[in-house]
Amino acid sequence: MARNLCEYAEDSNSIGRQSTDEPWKLKNVDETIALGAKLIELLPNLKLLLLQGPLGAGKTCLVKGLASSLGIKEPITSPTFALAQHYLEGSSPLVHLDLYRLETPQAANELFLQEEEEAESLGALMVVEWPERLSLHLPEAWKINLEYLSNGEREARLTQP
């Protein structure tokens, strides 16, 4: 049974330098958060990031790292019930969506388009969990797929637009 990565923080080594063409092996929460922070460094003009992966794979932990690297001090929480969280402080604002509870592509598309407009007006990075709920074509989006490995670690694979 897979553990929720955000519940089991352990001591971590740095994720180190790595090409965006190779998957990252993530041993724990700290490495997942570090990858999020590293992405801001690797992709300084990042505007739209789609996060895919099963429940508990570390999507929100990755967002914590993104937010930290942007200088956002506010606690990052999963927007599963709120659907969207806006973090306005830091070097760049962050709009965090979670489409998990939306049952139809139409509802997901409407929320996404509304929040995308807001993110653009704020100059914010927009991060979307459960983008597979959308039926929109988003050719400008970077994607990260988080998967469980048999040894309890996670693998993160970054796909460019």
N, C-alpha and C. Protein backbone atom coordinates (compact mmCIF):
# COMPACT_ATOMS: atom_id res chain seq x y z
N MET A 1 0.85 -1.19 0.00
CA MET A 1 0.00 0.00 0.00
C MET A 1 0.88 1.24 0.00
N ALA A 2 0.60 2.16 -0.85
CA ALA A 2 1.39 3.37 -0.99
C ALA A 2 1.10 4.33 0.15
N ARG A 3 2.15 5.00 0.62
CA ARG A 3 1.98 6.00 1.67
C ARG A 3 1.81 7.36 1.06
N ASN A 4 1.12 8.22 1.76
CA ASN A 4 1.01 9.60 1.34
C ASN A 4 2.37 10.25 1.60
N LEU A 5 3.03 10.67 0.56
CA LEU A 5 4.38 11.21 0.66
C LEU A 5 4.46 12.40 1.59
N CYS A 6 3.43 13.23 1.65
CA CYS A 6 3.46 14.41 2.50
C CYS A 6 3.38 14.07 3.98
N GLU A 7 3.02 12.87 4.33
CA GLU A 7 2.91 12.50 5.74
C GLU A 7 4.20 11.92 6.31
N TYR A 8 5.18 11.63 5.47
CA TYR A 8 6.35 10.93 5.94
C TYR A 8 7.64 11.65 5.56
N ALA A 9 7.87 12.80 6.17
CA ALA A 9 9.12 13.52 5.91
C ALA A 9 10.27 12.78 6.55
N GLU A 10 11.37 12.70 5.83
CA GLU A 10 12.58 12.05 6.33
C GLU A 10 13.76 12.95 6.02
N ASP A 11 14.90 12.61 6.57
CA ASP A 11 16.11 13.34 6.20
C ASP A 11 16.35 13.14 4.72
N SER A 12 16.88 14.17 4.07
CA SER A 12 17.01 14.11 2.62
C SER A 12 18.36 14.63 2.17
N ASN A 13 18.82 14.05 1.08
CA ASN A 13 19.94 14.64 0.37
C ASN A 13 19.35 15.55 -0.69
N SER A 14 20.14 16.46 -1.20
CA SER A 14 19.67 17.34 -2.26
C SER A 14 19.35 16.53 -3.51
N ILE A 15 18.39 17.01 -4.29
CA ILE A 15 18.08 16.33 -5.54
C ILE A 15 19.18 16.53 -6.56
N GLY A 16 20.04 17.48 -6.31
CA GLY A 16 21.21 17.67 -7.15
C GLY A 16 20.90 18.21 -8.53
N ARG A 17 21.92 18.26 -9.34
CA ARG A 17 21.78 18.77 -10.70
C ARG A 17 21.35 17.63 -11.59
N GLN A 18 20.40 17.91 -12.47
CA GLN A 18 19.89 16.87 -13.34
C GLN A 18 19.25 17.51 -14.56
N SER A 19 19.33 16.83 -15.67
CA SER A 19 18.69 17.29 -16.89
C SER A 19 17.18 17.15 -16.75
N THR A 20 16.44 18.04 -17.42
CA THR A 20 14.99 17.91 -17.40
C THR A 20 14.53 16.74 -18.27
N ASP A 21 15.43 16.11 -19.02
CA ASP A 21 15.06 14.97 -19.87
C ASP A 21 15.00 13.66 -19.08
N GLU A 22 15.55 13.64 -17.91
CA GLU A 22 15.61 12.42 -17.11
C GLU A 22 14.63 12.50 -15.95
N PRO A 23 14.05 11.36 -15.56
CA PRO A 23 13.16 11.40 -14.39
C PRO A 23 13.97 11.59 -13.10
N TRP A 24 13.34 12.20 -12.11
CA TRP A 24 13.93 12.33 -10.79
C TRP A 24 13.40 11.21 -9.91
N LYS A 25 14.26 10.61 -9.13
CA LYS A 25 13.87 9.64 -8.11
C LYS A 25 13.76 10.41 -6.80
N LEU A 26 12.61 10.34 -6.16
CA LEU A 26 12.34 11.10 -4.94
C LEU A 26 12.14 10.13 -3.79
N LYS A 27 13.01 10.19 -2.80
CA LYS A 27 12.96 9.26 -1.68
C LYS A 27 11.96 9.66 -0.61
N ASN A 28 11.68 10.97 -0.51
CA ASN A 28 10.84 11.43 0.60
C ASN A 28 10.28 12.82 0.32
N VAL A 29 9.57 13.34 1.29
CA VAL A 29 8.94 14.65 1.17
C VAL A 29 9.97 15.74 0.89
N ASP A 30 11.07 15.72 1.61
CA ASP A 30 12.07 16.77 1.45
C ASP A 30 12.59 16.83 0.02
N GLU A 31 12.79 15.69 -0.60
CA GLU A 31 13.27 15.66 -1.98
C GLU A 31 12.19 16.13 -2.95
N THR A 32 10.94 15.87 -2.63
CA THR A 32 9.84 16.34 -3.48
C THR A 32 9.73 17.86 -3.40
N ILE A 33 9.80 18.40 -2.20
CA ILE A 33 9.77 19.85 -2.02
C ILE A 33 10.98 20.49 -2.71
N ALA A 34 12.15 19.87 -2.56
CA ALA A 34 13.36 20.39 -3.20
C ALA A 34 13.22 20.41 -4.72
N LEU A 35 12.58 19.41 -5.29
CA LEU A 35 12.36 19.41 -6.73
C LEU A 35 11.48 20.58 -7.13
N GLY A 36 10.42 20.84 -6.38
CA GLY A 36 9.57 21.99 -6.67
C GLY A 36 10.37 23.28 -6.68
N ALA A 37 11.22 23.45 -5.68
CA ALA A 37 12.05 24.65 -5.61
C ALA A 37 13.02 24.71 -6.79
N LYS A 38 13.58 23.58 -7.16
CA LYS A 38 14.54 23.51 -8.26
C LYS A 38 13.89 23.88 -9.59
N LEU A 39 12.61 23.56 -9.75
CA LEU A 39 11.92 23.85 -11.00
C LEU A 39 11.89 25.35 -11.30
N ILE A 40 11.75 26.16 -10.26
CA ILE A 40 11.74 27.62 -10.46
C ILE A 40 13.10 28.07 -11.00
N GLU A 41 14.15 27.43 -10.52
CA GLU A 41 15.50 27.73 -10.99
C GLU A 41 15.70 27.24 -12.43
N LEU A 42 15.23 26.03 -12.72
CA LEU A 42 15.39 25.45 -14.05
C LEU A 42 14.52 26.13 -15.10
N LEU A 43 13.33 26.58 -14.69
CA LEU A 43 12.35 27.16 -15.61
C LEU A 43 11.90 28.53 -15.12
N PRO A 44 12.76 29.54 -15.18
CA PRO A 44 12.43 30.83 -14.58
C PRO A 44 11.22 31.53 -15.21
N ASN A 45 10.84 31.17 -16.41
CA ASN A 45 9.69 31.79 -17.06
C ASN A 45 8.46 30.90 -17.04
N LEU A 46 8.44 29.93 -16.16
CA LEU A 46 7.32 29.00 -16.04
C LEU A 46 6.04 29.74 -15.71
N LYS A 47 4.98 29.49 -16.49
CA LYS A 47 3.69 30.14 -16.26
C LYS A 47 2.57 29.13 -16.00
N LEU A 48 2.69 27.91 -16.55
CA LEU A 48 1.64 26.90 -16.38
C LEU A 48 2.28 25.54 -16.20
N LEU A 49 1.96 24.90 -15.06
CA LEU A 49 2.50 23.59 -14.74
C LEU A 49 1.34 22.67 -14.38
N LEU A 50 1.27 21.53 -15.06
CA LEU A 50 0.23 20.53 -14.80
C LEU A 50 0.85 19.38 -14.04
N LEU A 51 0.24 19.00 -12.92
CA LEU A 51 0.75 17.92 -12.07
C LEU A 51 -0.17 16.72 -12.12
N GLN A 52 0.36 15.60 -12.59
CA GLN A 52 -0.42 14.37 -12.66
C GLN A 52 0.20 13.34 -11.74
N GLY A 53 -0.65 12.44 -11.26
CA GLY A 53 -0.19 11.36 -10.41
C GLY A 53 -1.30 10.93 -9.48
N PRO A 54 -1.18 9.74 -8.92
CA PRO A 54 -2.23 9.23 -8.04
C PRO A 54 -2.29 10.01 -6.72
N LEU A 55 -3.37 9.77 -5.98
CA LEU A 55 -3.52 10.37 -4.66
C LEU A 55 -2.29 10.07 -3.81
N GLY A 56 -1.81 11.09 -3.10
CA GLY A 56 -0.69 10.90 -2.19
C GLY A 56 0.67 10.82 -2.84
N ALA A 57 0.77 11.08 -4.14
CA ALA A 57 2.05 10.96 -4.85
C ALA A 57 2.99 12.13 -4.58
N GLY A 58 2.48 13.23 -4.02
CA GLY A 58 3.34 14.35 -3.68
C GLY A 58 3.11 15.61 -4.49
N LYS A 59 1.97 15.71 -5.14
CA LYS A 59 1.69 16.89 -5.96
C LYS A 59 1.70 18.18 -5.13
N THR A 60 1.00 18.17 -4.01
CA THR A 60 0.96 19.37 -3.17
C THR A 60 2.32 19.63 -2.53
N CYS A 61 3.07 18.59 -2.22
CA CYS A 61 4.43 18.79 -1.69
C CYS A 61 5.30 19.49 -2.73
N LEU A 62 5.15 19.13 -3.98
CA LEU A 62 5.89 19.79 -5.05
C LEU A 62 5.53 21.27 -5.10
N VAL A 63 4.24 21.58 -4.94
CA VAL A 63 3.79 22.98 -4.94
C VAL A 63 4.40 23.73 -3.76
N LYS A 64 4.58 23.06 -2.63
CA LYS A 64 5.23 23.71 -1.48
C LYS A 64 6.63 24.17 -1.85
N GLY A 65 7.36 23.36 -2.60
CA GLY A 65 8.69 23.74 -3.04
C GLY A 65 8.67 24.90 -4.02
N LEU A 66 7.72 24.86 -4.96
CA LEU A 66 7.57 25.98 -5.90
C LEU A 66 7.34 27.27 -5.13
N ALA A 67 6.39 27.22 -4.19
CA ALA A 67 6.03 28.41 -3.41
C ALA A 67 7.21 28.92 -2.60
N SER A 68 7.94 28.01 -2.00
CA SER A 68 9.10 28.39 -1.20
C SER A 68 10.12 29.13 -2.06
N SER A 69 10.37 28.61 -3.24
CA SER A 69 11.33 29.23 -4.14
C SER A 69 10.85 30.60 -4.64
N LEU A 70 9.54 30.80 -4.67
CA LEU A 70 8.97 32.09 -5.06
C LEU A 70 8.92 33.07 -3.90
N GLY A 71 9.34 32.64 -2.71
CA GLY A 71 9.34 33.51 -1.54
C GLY A 71 7.99 33.61 -0.85
N ILE A 72 7.10 32.67 -1.13
CA ILE A 72 5.78 32.67 -0.50
C ILE A 72 5.91 32.02 0.88
N LYS A 73 5.55 32.76 1.90
CA LYS A 73 5.69 32.30 3.29
C LYS A 73 4.42 31.63 3.82
N GLU A 74 3.29 31.93 3.20
CA GLU A 74 2.00 31.39 3.64
C GLU A 74 2.01 29.86 3.52
N PRO A 75 1.41 29.14 4.48
CA PRO A 75 1.35 27.68 4.37
C PRO A 75 0.60 27.25 3.11
N ILE A 76 1.16 26.29 2.41
CA ILE A 76 0.55 25.76 1.18
C ILE A 76 -0.28 24.54 1.57
N THR A 77 -1.55 24.59 1.21
CA THR A 77 -2.44 23.47 1.49
C THR A 77 -3.08 23.01 0.20
N SER A 78 -3.52 21.77 0.18
CA SER A 78 -4.19 21.23 -0.99
C SER A 78 -5.52 21.95 -1.19
N PRO A 79 -5.78 22.42 -2.39
CA PRO A 79 -7.06 23.09 -2.64
C PRO A 79 -8.17 22.11 -3.06
N THR A 80 -8.10 20.87 -2.61
CA THR A 80 -9.09 19.88 -3.02
C THR A 80 -10.51 20.34 -2.76
N PHE A 81 -10.77 20.91 -1.60
CA PHE A 81 -12.14 21.33 -1.28
C PHE A 81 -12.41 22.75 -1.71
N ALA A 82 -11.40 23.62 -1.64
CA ALA A 82 -11.57 25.01 -2.07
C ALA A 82 -11.50 25.13 -3.59
N LEU A 83 -10.91 24.16 -4.25
CA LEU A 83 -10.67 24.10 -5.70
C LEU A 83 -9.54 25.01 -6.16
N ALA A 84 -9.39 26.18 -5.56
CA ALA A 84 -8.31 27.09 -5.96
C ALA A 84 -7.79 27.85 -4.75
N GLN A 85 -6.49 28.03 -4.72
CA GLN A 85 -5.83 28.85 -3.71
C GLN A 85 -4.98 29.88 -4.44
N HIS A 86 -5.03 31.11 -3.96
CA HIS A 86 -4.21 32.19 -4.52
C HIS A 86 -3.22 32.63 -3.45
N TYR A 87 -1.95 32.65 -3.82
CA TYR A 87 -0.88 33.11 -2.93
C TYR A 87 -0.27 34.33 -3.62
N LEU A 88 -0.47 35.50 -3.04
CA LEU A 88 -0.13 36.74 -3.72
C LEU A 88 1.20 37.34 -3.29
N GLU A 89 1.77 36.86 -2.18
CA GLU A 89 3.04 37.41 -1.72
C GLU A 89 4.19 36.63 -2.33
N GLY A 90 5.35 37.23 -2.35
CA GLY A 90 6.52 36.58 -2.92
C GLY A 90 6.98 37.28 -4.18
N SER A 91 7.99 36.73 -4.80
CA SER A 91 8.53 37.35 -6.01
C SER A 91 7.57 37.22 -7.19
N SER A 92 6.70 36.24 -7.13
CA SER A 92 5.67 36.04 -8.14
C SER A 92 4.48 35.39 -7.46
N PRO A 93 3.27 35.81 -7.79
CA PRO A 93 2.09 35.15 -7.22
C PRO A 93 1.97 33.71 -7.74
N LEU A 94 1.18 32.93 -7.03
CA LEU A 94 0.95 31.53 -7.38
C LEU A 94 -0.55 31.26 -7.31
N VAL A 95 -1.09 30.65 -8.35
CA VAL A 95 -2.48 30.19 -8.36
C VAL A 95 -2.42 28.67 -8.44
N HIS A 96 -3.01 28.01 -7.45
CA HIS A 96 -2.95 26.56 -7.30
C HIS A 96 -4.36 25.98 -7.41
N LEU A 97 -4.60 25.18 -8.45
CA LEU A 97 -5.90 24.55 -8.66
C LEU A 97 -5.83 23.06 -8.40
N ASP A 98 -6.92 22.51 -7.92
CA ASP A 98 -7.06 21.06 -7.77
C ASP A 98 -8.41 20.69 -8.37
N LEU A 99 -8.39 19.96 -9.47
CA LEU A 99 -9.61 19.62 -10.21
C LEU A 99 -10.17 18.25 -9.83
N TYR A 100 -9.63 17.64 -8.80
CA TYR A 100 -10.00 16.26 -8.44
C TYR A 100 -11.50 16.08 -8.25
N ARG A 101 -12.15 17.01 -7.58
CA ARG A 101 -13.58 16.85 -7.26
C ARG A 101 -14.52 17.22 -8.40
N LEU A 102 -14.00 17.77 -9.47
CA LEU A 102 -14.86 18.16 -10.58
C LEU A 102 -15.12 16.95 -11.47
N GLU A 103 -16.38 16.64 -11.65
CA GLU A 103 -16.74 15.39 -12.33
C GLU A 103 -16.86 15.50 -13.83
N THR A 104 -17.06 16.71 -14.35
CA THR A 104 -17.22 16.84 -15.79
C THR A 104 -16.12 17.73 -16.37
N PRO A 105 -15.71 17.43 -17.59
CA PRO A 105 -14.72 18.31 -18.24
C PRO A 105 -15.22 19.74 -18.36
N GLN A 106 -16.51 19.92 -18.57
CA GLN A 106 -17.06 21.28 -18.70
C GLN A 106 -16.82 22.09 -17.42
N ALA A 107 -17.07 21.49 -16.26
CA ALA A 107 -16.86 22.19 -14.99
C ALA A 107 -15.37 22.48 -14.78
N ALA A 108 -14.53 21.50 -15.09
CA ALA A 108 -13.08 21.70 -14.95
C ALA A 108 -12.58 22.79 -15.90
N ASN A 109 -13.05 22.76 -17.13
CA ASN A 109 -12.64 23.76 -18.11
C ASN A 109 -13.05 25.16 -17.68
N GLU A 110 -14.28 25.30 -17.19
CA GLU A 110 -14.77 26.61 -16.75
C GLU A 110 -13.92 27.17 -15.62
N LEU A 111 -13.66 26.34 -14.62
CA LEU A 111 -12.83 26.80 -13.50
C LEU A 111 -11.42 27.15 -13.99
N PHE A 112 -10.84 26.28 -14.80
CA PHE A 112 -9.50 26.53 -15.31
C PHE A 112 -9.44 27.87 -16.05
N LEU A 113 -10.36 28.09 -16.97
CA LEU A 113 -10.33 29.31 -17.78
C LEU A 113 -10.52 30.57 -16.93
N GLN A 114 -11.38 30.47 -15.94
CA GLN A 114 -11.59 31.61 -15.02
C GLN A 114 -10.30 31.89 -14.24
N GLU A 115 -9.68 30.85 -13.70
CA GLU A 115 -8.47 31.03 -12.91
C GLU A 115 -7.27 31.39 -13.78
N GLU A 116 -7.24 30.91 -15.02
CA GLU A 116 -6.16 31.26 -15.94
C GLU A 116 -6.19 32.77 -16.22
N GLU A 117 -7.38 33.30 -16.41
CA GLU A 117 -7.51 34.74 -16.64
C GLU A 117 -6.99 35.52 -15.44
N GLU A 118 -7.35 35.07 -14.25
CA GLU A 118 -6.87 35.71 -13.02
C GLU A 118 -5.35 35.60 -12.90
N ALA A 119 -4.81 34.41 -13.17
CA ALA A 119 -3.36 34.21 -13.09
C ALA A 119 -2.63 35.12 -14.07
N GLU A 120 -3.15 35.24 -15.27
CA GLU A 120 -2.52 36.12 -16.26
C GLU A 120 -2.55 37.57 -15.81
N SER A 121 -3.67 38.01 -15.24
CA SER A 121 -3.75 39.40 -14.78
C SER A 121 -2.81 39.67 -13.61
N LEU A 122 -2.54 38.66 -12.80
CA LEU A 122 -1.63 38.79 -11.67
C LEU A 122 -0.16 38.58 -12.06
N GLY A 123 0.08 38.02 -13.24
CA GLY A 123 1.44 37.62 -13.61
C GLY A 123 1.88 36.43 -12.79
N ALA A 124 0.93 35.55 -12.46
CA ALA A 124 1.18 34.44 -11.54
C ALA A 124 1.56 33.15 -12.27
N LEU A 125 2.28 32.32 -11.56
CA LEU A 125 2.48 30.93 -11.96
C LEU A 125 1.19 30.19 -11.62
N MET A 126 0.69 29.41 -12.56
CA MET A 126 -0.52 28.62 -12.33
C MET A 126 -0.13 27.15 -12.33
N VAL A 127 -0.50 26.45 -11.24
CA VAL A 127 -0.21 25.04 -11.08
C VAL A 127 -1.54 24.31 -10.93
N VAL A 128 -1.71 23.25 -11.72
CA VAL A 128 -2.99 22.53 -11.76
C VAL A 128 -2.76 21.06 -11.41
N GLU A 129 -3.41 20.63 -10.33
CA GLU A 129 -3.44 19.21 -9.99
C GLU A 129 -4.66 18.56 -10.66
N TRP A 130 -4.50 17.34 -11.11
CA TRP A 130 -5.55 16.57 -11.78
C TRP A 130 -5.98 17.21 -13.10
N PRO A 131 -5.02 17.61 -13.96
CA PRO A 131 -5.37 18.24 -15.24
C PRO A 131 -6.05 17.28 -16.21
N GLU A 132 -6.00 16.00 -15.93
CA GLU A 132 -6.68 15.04 -16.80
C GLU A 132 -8.20 15.21 -16.77
N ARG A 133 -8.70 16.01 -15.83
CA ARG A 133 -10.13 16.33 -15.79
C ARG A 133 -10.52 17.34 -16.89
N LEU A 134 -9.52 18.03 -17.44
CA LEU A 134 -9.76 19.04 -18.48
C LEU A 134 -9.91 18.39 -19.85
N SER A 135 -10.67 19.05 -20.71
CA SER A 135 -10.72 18.62 -22.11
C SER A 135 -10.08 19.68 -23.01
N LEU A 136 -9.41 20.65 -22.41
CA LEU A 136 -8.74 21.72 -23.14
C LEU A 136 -7.38 21.24 -23.65
N HIS A 137 -6.98 21.77 -24.78
CA HIS A 137 -5.64 21.53 -25.31
C HIS A 137 -4.74 22.65 -24.79
N LEU A 138 -3.70 22.31 -24.04
CA LEU A 138 -2.84 23.32 -23.41
C LEU A 138 -1.39 23.13 -23.88
N PRO A 139 -1.10 23.52 -25.12
CA PRO A 139 0.24 23.27 -25.68
C PRO A 139 1.36 24.03 -24.98
N GLU A 140 1.04 25.10 -24.24
CA GLU A 140 2.08 25.89 -23.57
C GLU A 140 2.45 25.36 -22.18
N ALA A 141 1.79 24.30 -21.74
CA ALA A 141 1.97 23.81 -20.37
C ALA A 141 3.14 22.84 -20.24
N TRP A 142 3.90 23.03 -19.19
CA TRP A 142 4.86 22.03 -18.74
C TRP A 142 4.07 21.02 -17.91
N LYS A 143 4.51 19.77 -17.89
CA LYS A 143 3.81 18.73 -17.14
C LYS A 143 4.80 17.95 -16.30
N ILE A 144 4.34 17.59 -15.11
CA ILE A 144 5.10 16.66 -14.27
C ILE A 144 4.18 15.50 -13.93
N ASN A 145 4.68 14.31 -14.16
CA ASN A 145 3.95 13.11 -13.77
C ASN A 145 4.69 12.47 -12.60
N LEU A 146 4.01 12.29 -11.49
CA LEU A 146 4.56 11.66 -10.30
C LEU A 146 3.99 10.25 -10.21
N GLU A 147 4.86 9.27 -10.06
CA GLU A 147 4.43 7.87 -9.98
C GLU A 147 5.09 7.20 -8.78
N TYR A 148 4.38 6.23 -8.22
CA TYR A 148 4.95 5.39 -7.18
C TYR A 148 5.89 4.37 -7.81
N LEU A 149 7.00 4.09 -7.12
CA LEU A 149 7.89 3.01 -7.52
C LEU A 149 7.72 1.86 -6.54
N SER A 150 8.11 0.68 -6.93
CA SER A 150 7.90 -0.50 -6.09
C SER A 150 8.67 -0.43 -4.77
N ASN A 151 9.75 0.35 -4.70
CA ASN A 151 10.55 0.45 -3.47
C ASN A 151 10.05 1.54 -2.52
N GLY A 152 8.88 2.13 -2.81
CA GLY A 152 8.32 3.15 -1.94
C GLY A 152 8.73 4.57 -2.30
N GLU A 153 9.67 4.71 -3.21
CA GLU A 153 10.06 6.04 -3.67
C GLU A 153 9.05 6.51 -4.72
N ARG A 154 9.26 7.72 -5.19
CA ARG A 154 8.46 8.28 -6.27
C ARG A 154 9.39 8.63 -7.43
N GLU A 155 8.80 8.69 -8.60
CA GLU A 155 9.53 9.15 -9.77
C GLU A 155 8.75 10.34 -10.33
N ALA A 156 9.49 11.39 -10.65
CA ALA A 156 8.90 12.59 -11.25
C ALA A 156 9.49 12.75 -12.64
N ARG A 157 8.62 12.85 -13.62
CA ARG A 157 9.05 13.04 -15.00
C ARG A 157 8.48 14.35 -15.53
N LEU A 158 9.37 15.22 -15.97
CA LEU A 158 9.01 16.53 -16.49
C LEU A 158 8.90 16.46 -18.02
N THR A 159 7.80 16.98 -18.54
CA THR A 159 7.59 17.03 -20.00
C THR A 159 7.43 18.48 -20.40
N GLN A 160 8.22 18.89 -21.38
CA GLN A 160 8.13 20.28 -21.84
C GLN A 160 6.97 20.46 -22.81
N PRO A 161 6.54 21.70 -22.98
CA PRO A 161 5.42 21.97 -23.90
C PRO A 161 5.75 21.50 -25.32
